[in-house]
Structure formats: structure tokens, C-alpha cells
């Protein structure tokens, strides 16, 4: 199977879908890929809250069928069992969304950005930046877009490890705490998207790159959040 993204013309709404097939051979088939594109288009415009509701709604390309019935029809045409496994949507009311699909079709993501000027969305410099950030999400698999969004259980888990390691040093507790906090700081820089070193230029972080593009375009561009699909997760 494959994962695929689709974004609206105004780049304010996007979707990522995962559709499974039995063999990788079928996943590379043009008919299958066209069908997944249709599924992504349907998911982009759906109001369904979950996969069951999505499967039950009318298939946009043929309203005489439900999405589930259209899937059954495609299974008959392609001759292999398939499954619409999951989808996720993202919106950016005050900004735009950048998407990236890895060449293997197994990794895809969408990233939302906020900014003030409507014309920023159409600027080539922003489009390049948005694409590069989306590519970074696939390449480096960050935990969250910003530090504030790192789940508390992840922080607690990491601090538990760092405190245990610091305790082995035999140093005073105050020093142990500083050691643990220092390691947590390193964790943030390696795992928070905006704090990561940019994969295309080790002299930049995603945050510093955003500031540079913001200055160039006379706007304040911020990375808000992202959704990443690894096939089969």
C-alpha cells in the first residue's frame, strides 16, 4: 500500500491517507495509485469523524455507491484485497499547509504554518520553505513541532532516564538535576521540529530558517503543528 497527501487549492486544508494492498506490486500499479488519489480527494472534503463513518458515506465519484462499496468494486477490478486504513486532516485558517510524500510512497506528512499576510502563501520563498520543512518531518521524525507540544509522558520518561544516569555519577543532587536538565535540553533540540538542525544546512535550525524567510517576506511565519504517516504504523 501507500500513503498520500492532498491539499486544497487555497492550501488551507490538507489530508493524508493510508490505503493498504496485499502486495507491493499492486501498490505501484497506476490504477491503484489513481484510486488512492480519489480516496484522498474524498477524505479532503469529508465531514466524517472516523474511518467507519467515512466508509459509510456516499462515494463522490459515484453517489450511487458508498465509499465501502466503491472499495469493493476496486478490489474486483484490481484483483487484490485492499483496505482504507486511516486518514487525518489538518487546517490552517490563518496561514497555509505544506505537504511532502517520500518517493517510496511509504512516508508522508503535512505541516501547518501561520502568518499574517495572505500573499505569503503564494510566495515562492514560502513554498520552498514549507516543502523543506515538510521534508524535514519525514527525514528526522520529530516528536512535536514546538517544545510546548511534547507530551508530558515523553518528558517524564526521558527525565527518568537522565536522572538515573546522573545518579550513577555520584555527584550532589543539585548537580545531578542540572545534568538531567541539560540532557533534556539536548533531547528537545534533537526531537522538536523547530529546534532541529535543518537537514539541508547545518548552520540553520528550522526556527532560524523561519525567521529568515519571515524577514525576507515581511511577515511572521511560524510552524504550528504537523501530522506524519509512516506506512503500517
Protein backbone atom coordinates (compact mmCIF):
# COMPACT_ATOMS: atom_id res chain seq x y z
CA UNK A 1 0.00 0.00 0.00
CA UNK A 2 0.88 3.66 0.05
CA UNK A 3 0.31 6.90 1.94
CA UNK A 4 -0.73 10.03 0.06
CA UNK A 5 -1.44 13.68 0.81
CA UNK A 6 -3.80 16.11 -0.87
CA UNK A 7 -4.26 19.82 -0.27
CA UNK A 8 -6.97 22.30 -1.30
CA UNK A 9 -6.22 24.97 -3.90
CA UNK A 10 -6.02 27.67 -1.21
CA UNK A 11 -3.62 25.43 0.80
CA UNK A 12 -5.66 25.93 3.96
CA UNK A 13 -6.86 22.33 4.28
CA UNK A 14 -4.99 19.07 3.70
CA UNK A 15 -5.37 15.35 4.26
CA UNK A 16 -3.08 12.34 4.49
CA UNK A 17 -4.45 8.84 3.83
CA UNK A 18 -3.13 5.29 4.05
CA UNK A 19 -4.56 2.60 1.77
CA UNK A 20 -3.34 -0.97 2.08
CA UNK A 21 -2.96 -3.66 -0.57
CA UNK A 22 -1.75 -7.25 -0.29
CA UNK A 23 1.41 -6.83 -2.39
CA UNK A 24 3.88 -4.07 -3.14
CA UNK A 25 3.46 -4.88 -6.84
CA UNK A 26 -0.15 -3.63 -6.73
CA UNK A 27 0.91 -0.60 -4.66
CA UNK A 28 2.99 0.53 -7.66
CA UNK A 29 0.12 -0.05 -10.08
CA UNK A 30 -1.22 3.12 -11.72
CA UNK A 31 -4.87 2.08 -11.22
CA UNK A 32 -4.25 1.58 -7.50
CA UNK A 33 -2.47 4.92 -7.17
CA UNK A 34 -5.28 6.70 -9.03
CA UNK A 35 -7.79 5.08 -6.69
CA UNK A 36 -5.81 6.21 -3.62
CA UNK A 37 -5.79 9.73 -5.09
CA UNK A 38 -9.60 9.56 -5.32
CA UNK A 39 -9.77 8.36 -1.70
CA UNK A 40 -7.58 11.29 -0.65
CA UNK A 41 -9.83 13.71 -2.54
CA UNK A 42 -12.87 12.23 -0.78
CA UNK A 43 -11.15 12.46 2.62
CA UNK A 44 -10.16 16.06 1.93
CA UNK A 45 -13.82 17.01 1.68
CA UNK A 46 -15.38 14.61 4.18
CA UNK A 47 -17.01 15.58 7.46
CA UNK A 48 -16.61 12.01 8.78
CA UNK A 49 -15.01 11.85 12.20
CA UNK A 50 -13.64 8.32 11.84
CA UNK A 51 -12.96 5.58 9.30
CA UNK A 52 -16.32 3.82 9.83
CA UNK A 53 -18.29 6.99 9.12
CA UNK A 54 -16.05 7.67 6.13
CA UNK A 55 -16.71 4.21 4.65
CA UNK A 56 -20.46 4.68 5.10
CA UNK A 57 -20.73 8.00 3.25
CA UNK A 58 -21.55 8.43 -0.44
CA UNK A 59 -18.65 8.00 -2.87
CA UNK A 60 -18.22 11.40 -4.56
CA UNK A 61 -17.29 9.91 -7.94
CA UNK A 62 -20.44 7.76 -7.98
CA UNK A 63 -23.07 8.73 -5.37
CA UNK A 64 -24.99 5.51 -6.05
CA UNK A 65 -22.22 3.79 -4.06
CA UNK A 66 -20.86 4.25 -0.56
CA UNK A 67 -17.10 4.58 -0.06
CA UNK A 68 -17.08 0.97 1.16
CA UNK A 69 -18.96 -0.24 -1.93
CA UNK A 70 -16.61 1.69 -4.22
CA UNK A 71 -13.72 0.00 -2.44
CA UNK A 72 -15.28 -3.43 -3.06
CA UNK A 73 -15.64 -2.51 -6.73
CA UNK A 74 -11.95 -1.56 -6.92
CA UNK A 75 -10.98 -4.84 -5.25
CA UNK A 76 -12.82 -6.66 -8.06
CA UNK A 77 -11.14 -4.53 -10.75
CA UNK A 78 -7.61 -4.72 -9.36
CA UNK A 79 -7.98 -8.32 -8.20
CA UNK A 80 -6.43 -7.91 -4.78
CA UNK A 81 -7.79 -7.22 -1.32
CA UNK A 82 -7.41 -3.60 -0.23
CA UNK A 83 -8.25 -1.54 2.82
CA UNK A 84 -8.65 2.16 3.53
CA UNK A 85 -6.74 2.06 6.78
CA UNK A 86 -6.75 5.64 8.12
CA UNK A 87 -6.82 9.33 7.29
CA UNK A 88 -6.10 12.59 9.09
CA UNK A 89 -6.96 16.17 8.22
CA UNK A 90 -5.24 19.45 9.04
CA UNK A 91 -6.44 23.03 8.64
CA UNK A 92 -4.63 26.37 8.69
CA UNK A 93 -7.17 29.20 8.85
CA UNK A 94 -4.52 31.90 9.32
CA UNK A 95 -1.76 30.50 7.13
CA UNK A 96 -1.15 27.56 4.83
CA UNK A 97 -0.20 23.88 4.78
CA UNK A 98 2.85 22.28 3.21
CA UNK A 99 2.90 18.59 2.29
CA UNK A 100 5.56 16.05 1.39
CA UNK A 101 5.39 12.47 0.13
CA UNK A 102 8.61 10.44 0.10
CA UNK A 103 9.45 8.84 -3.24
CA UNK A 104 8.72 5.34 -1.87
CA UNK A 105 5.13 6.28 -1.05
CA UNK A 106 5.58 4.92 2.47
CA UNK A 107 6.11 8.19 4.34
CA UNK A 108 4.09 11.40 4.06
CA UNK A 109 3.22 14.38 6.17
CA UNK A 110 1.51 17.74 6.25
CA UNK A 111 2.70 20.78 8.20
CA UNK A 112 0.60 23.83 9.10
CA UNK A 113 2.10 27.32 9.18
CA UNK A 114 0.64 30.57 10.48
CA UNK A 115 1.34 34.04 9.09
CA UNK A 116 -0.44 37.39 8.68
CA UNK A 117 -0.23 38.37 5.00
CA UNK A 118 -2.41 36.39 2.55
CA UNK A 119 0.17 36.92 -0.23
CA UNK A 120 2.79 34.99 1.76
CA UNK A 121 1.12 31.70 0.76
CA UNK A 122 1.79 32.39 -2.92
CA UNK A 123 5.43 33.46 -2.50
CA UNK A 124 7.96 31.03 -3.99
CA UNK A 125 10.24 31.53 -0.99
CA UNK A 126 7.49 30.42 1.39
CA UNK A 127 6.54 27.46 -0.83
CA UNK A 128 10.18 26.28 -0.82
CA UNK A 129 10.38 26.72 2.94
CA UNK A 130 7.11 24.85 3.52
CA UNK A 131 8.24 21.97 1.28
CA UNK A 132 11.63 21.80 3.03
CA UNK A 133 10.05 21.74 6.50
CA UNK A 134 7.62 19.01 5.43
CA UNK A 135 10.55 17.04 4.02
CA UNK A 136 12.40 17.50 7.33
CA UNK A 137 9.46 15.93 9.20
CA UNK A 138 9.80 12.75 7.13
CA UNK A 139 13.60 12.76 7.33
CA UNK A 140 14.02 13.38 11.05
CA UNK A 141 10.76 12.12 12.59
CA UNK A 142 10.33 14.82 15.27
CA UNK A 143 8.16 14.30 18.35
CA UNK A 144 6.35 17.62 18.00
CA UNK A 145 6.51 20.93 16.15
CA UNK A 146 7.26 23.05 19.22
CA UNK A 147 8.61 22.30 22.68
CA UNK A 148 5.27 23.09 24.36
CA UNK A 149 3.62 20.25 22.43
CA UNK A 150 5.96 17.46 23.57
CA UNK A 151 3.66 15.06 25.51
CA UNK A 152 4.24 15.14 29.25
CA UNK A 153 4.64 11.36 29.43
CA UNK A 154 7.51 11.60 26.92
CA UNK A 155 9.22 14.29 29.03
CA UNK A 156 8.71 12.22 32.21
CA UNK A 157 10.13 9.12 30.50
CA UNK A 158 13.22 10.96 29.25
CA UNK A 159 13.82 12.70 32.59
CA UNK A 160 13.55 9.36 34.37
CA UNK A 161 16.37 8.01 32.20
CA UNK A 162 18.52 11.14 32.57
CA UNK A 163 18.09 11.29 36.36
CA UNK A 164 19.05 7.62 36.67
CA UNK A 165 22.15 8.24 34.55
CA UNK A 166 23.06 11.34 36.57
CA UNK A 167 22.65 9.43 39.85
CA UNK A 168 25.32 6.99 38.71
CA UNK A 169 27.83 9.85 38.63
CA UNK A 170 27.74 10.07 42.44
CA UNK A 171 27.66 13.87 42.25
CA UNK A 172 25.50 16.03 44.57
CA UNK A 173 21.77 16.03 43.86
CA UNK A 174 21.76 19.67 42.69
CA UNK A 175 24.43 18.79 40.11
CA UNK A 176 22.53 15.65 39.10
CA UNK A 177 19.44 17.77 38.42
CA UNK A 178 21.47 20.13 36.21
CA UNK A 179 22.93 17.18 34.31
CA UNK A 180 19.46 15.71 33.73
CA UNK A 181 18.03 19.06 32.61
CA UNK A 182 20.98 19.53 30.26
CA UNK A 183 20.26 16.18 28.64
CA UNK A 184 16.56 17.07 28.35
CA UNK A 185 17.58 20.28 26.59
CA UNK A 186 19.59 18.20 24.11
CA UNK A 187 16.54 15.94 23.62
CA UNK A 188 14.43 18.98 22.71
CA UNK A 189 17.00 20.21 20.18
CA UNK A 190 17.11 16.78 18.52
CA UNK A 191 13.39 15.96 18.62
CA UNK A 192 11.40 19.21 18.41
CA UNK A 193 10.94 20.23 14.77
CA UNK A 194 11.51 23.98 15.19
CA UNK A 195 14.67 23.37 17.22
CA UNK A 196 16.18 20.74 14.93
CA UNK A 197 19.15 21.50 12.70
CA UNK A 198 17.91 21.95 9.13
CA UNK A 199 18.85 18.84 7.13
CA UNK A 200 19.86 20.93 4.10
CA UNK A 201 22.02 23.42 6.03
CA UNK A 202 23.63 22.55 9.36
CA UNK A 203 24.13 26.26 10.10
CA UNK A 204 20.36 26.74 10.39
CA UNK A 205 17.61 25.42 12.63
CA UNK A 206 14.04 25.26 11.38
CA UNK A 207 13.26 28.18 13.71
CA UNK A 208 16.11 30.36 12.41
CA UNK A 209 15.12 29.49 8.84
CA UNK A 210 11.52 30.56 9.58
CA UNK A 211 12.83 33.90 10.90
CA UNK A 212 14.96 34.38 7.79
CA UNK A 213 12.03 33.70 5.42
CA UNK A 214 9.76 35.88 7.60
CA UNK A 215 12.18 38.81 7.34
CA UNK A 216 12.51 38.37 3.59
CA UNK A 217 8.73 38.34 3.08
CA UNK A 218 7.92 40.96 5.73
CA UNK A 219 5.74 38.56 7.70
CA UNK A 220 5.85 36.45 10.85
CA UNK A 221 5.84 32.80 9.76
CA UNK A 222 5.51 30.15 12.44
CA UNK A 223 5.44 26.36 12.30
CA UNK A 224 2.27 25.34 14.14
CA UNK A 225 1.93 21.55 14.00
CA UNK A 226 2.28 18.53 11.73
CA UNK A 227 0.78 15.10 11.02
CA UNK A 228 3.15 12.35 9.83
CA UNK A 229 2.14 8.93 8.48
CA UNK A 230 4.62 6.08 8.28
CA UNK A 231 3.04 3.28 6.29
CA UNK A 232 1.96 0.38 8.50
CA UNK A 233 2.22 2.19 11.84
